[in-house]
């Protein structure tokens, strides 16, 4: 890595319990100690037999990035904490049991 290159440190990991639709990070998890203008990368995983969608709350159900269980992690593009904090997870079907797992990587200045 050359001097001045952007690098990231693992900041926080966690999971969410989503019955049908809800906040990806829950209440005060992961992002609460960061400034809203900080830049993060987020990796998403799924456990369980099904899949879930992750999207901003404005998109609604069955939209966004679909994350399947048993596959490689999905890495979202870099975003500010203010945008990451409104991500929600939607289960794919009514009997879905996929649980979102996530890792937050904080950019070092």
Protein backbone atom coordinates (compact mmCIF):
# COMPACT_ATOMS: atom_id res chain seq x y z
CA UNK A 1 0.00 0.00 0.00
CA UNK A 2 1.41 3.37 -1.00
CA UNK A 3 1.51 6.33 1.35
CA UNK A 4 -1.83 8.11 1.31
CA UNK A 5 -3.88 5.17 0.04
CA UNK A 6 -7.29 4.75 1.59
CA UNK A 7 -7.48 1.90 4.06
CA UNK A 8 -10.12 0.53 6.38
CA UNK A 9 -10.23 -1.03 9.85
CA UNK A 10 -12.85 -3.48 11.01
CA UNK A 11 -15.05 -1.32 13.23
CA UNK A 12 -17.99 -3.47 14.33
CA UNK A 13 -19.85 -6.69 13.49
CA UNK A 14 -23.35 -7.78 14.35
CA UNK A 15 -26.62 -9.27 13.27
CA UNK A 16 -30.26 -8.32 13.05
CA UNK A 17 -33.46 -10.16 13.82
CA UNK A 18 -35.89 -9.34 11.03
CA UNK A 19 -39.33 -10.99 11.09
CA UNK A 20 -40.51 -9.31 7.89
CA UNK A 21 -38.89 -5.88 7.55
CA UNK A 22 -36.74 -3.80 9.83
CA UNK A 23 -33.58 -1.81 10.41
CA UNK A 24 -30.44 -3.61 9.34
CA UNK A 25 -28.48 -2.31 12.31
CA UNK A 26 -31.17 -2.28 14.98
CA UNK A 27 -31.26 0.37 17.68
CA UNK A 28 -27.91 2.02 18.37
CA UNK A 29 -25.83 -0.84 16.97
CA UNK A 30 -22.68 -0.39 15.01
CA UNK A 31 -23.09 3.09 13.62
CA UNK A 32 -24.12 5.09 16.66
CA UNK A 33 -20.61 6.08 17.75
CA UNK A 34 -19.58 7.31 14.29
CA UNK A 35 -20.03 10.79 12.88
CA UNK A 36 -22.71 10.92 10.16
CA UNK A 37 -20.19 12.20 7.61
CA UNK A 38 -17.71 9.34 8.14
CA UNK A 39 -17.30 6.86 5.30
CA UNK A 40 -17.82 3.13 5.85
CA UNK A 41 -17.86 -0.06 3.82
CA UNK A 42 -20.38 -2.72 4.78
CA UNK A 43 -20.14 -6.47 4.15
CA UNK A 44 -23.37 -8.48 4.33
CA UNK A 45 -23.91 -12.19 4.96
CA UNK A 46 -26.95 -14.37 5.56
CA UNK A 47 -27.55 -17.41 7.72
CA UNK A 48 -30.64 -19.58 7.52
CA UNK A 49 -32.33 -21.31 4.62
CA UNK A 50 -33.55 -18.28 2.70
CA UNK A 51 -32.49 -14.81 1.57
CA UNK A 52 -33.22 -11.18 2.33
CA UNK A 53 -33.11 -7.83 0.56
CA UNK A 54 -31.18 -4.79 1.79
CA UNK A 55 -32.22 -1.35 0.59
CA UNK A 56 -32.81 2.20 1.75
CA UNK A 57 -36.13 2.54 3.56
CA UNK A 58 -37.61 4.51 0.63
CA UNK A 59 -37.54 1.52 -1.77
CA UNK A 60 -40.02 -0.67 0.08
CA UNK A 61 -40.36 -4.46 0.05
CA UNK A 62 -38.80 -6.80 -2.51
CA UNK A 63 -36.32 -4.24 -3.77
CA UNK A 64 -32.63 -3.71 -3.28
CA UNK A 65 -29.70 -6.10 -3.11
CA UNK A 66 -30.63 -9.72 -2.53
CA UNK A 67 -28.35 -11.54 -0.08
CA UNK A 68 -28.47 -15.36 -0.13
CA UNK A 69 -27.41 -17.64 2.68
CA UNK A 70 -24.48 -19.91 2.01
CA UNK A 71 -22.81 -17.60 -0.50
CA UNK A 72 -19.89 -15.22 -0.37
CA UNK A 73 -20.37 -11.93 1.44
CA UNK A 74 -21.85 -9.01 -0.44
CA UNK A 75 -19.81 -5.81 -0.15
CA UNK A 76 -21.69 -2.55 -0.49
CA UNK A 77 -19.95 0.45 -1.98
CA UNK A 78 -18.47 3.07 0.30
CA UNK A 79 -21.11 5.31 1.84
CA UNK A 80 -21.51 7.88 4.56
CA UNK A 81 -22.90 6.78 7.90
CA UNK A 82 -26.00 8.97 7.35
CA UNK A 83 -26.91 6.79 4.35
CA UNK A 84 -25.94 3.49 5.92
CA UNK A 85 -28.11 4.18 8.96
CA UNK A 86 -31.33 4.05 6.92
CA UNK A 87 -30.67 0.63 5.36
CA UNK A 88 -33.40 -1.88 6.10
CA UNK A 89 -33.68 -5.62 5.55
CA UNK A 90 -36.74 -7.37 4.07
CA UNK A 91 -37.19 -11.12 4.14
CA UNK A 92 -37.88 -12.65 0.74
CA UNK A 93 -40.91 -14.75 1.71
CA UNK A 94 -43.32 -14.95 4.62
CA UNK A 95 -41.72 -18.12 5.98
CA UNK A 96 -38.15 -16.92 5.48
CA UNK A 97 -35.66 -17.50 8.24
CA UNK A 98 -32.59 -15.71 6.89
CA UNK A 99 -30.83 -13.53 9.42
CA UNK A 100 -28.67 -10.63 8.26
CA UNK A 101 -25.10 -10.56 9.51
CA UNK A 102 -22.96 -7.52 8.85
CA UNK A 103 -19.47 -6.11 9.25
CA UNK A 104 -18.67 -2.39 9.21
CA UNK A 105 -15.29 -1.19 7.97
CA UNK A 106 -14.36 2.38 8.94
CA UNK A 107 -12.21 4.40 6.56
CA UNK A 108 -8.96 5.71 8.02
CA UNK A 109 -8.25 9.30 7.03
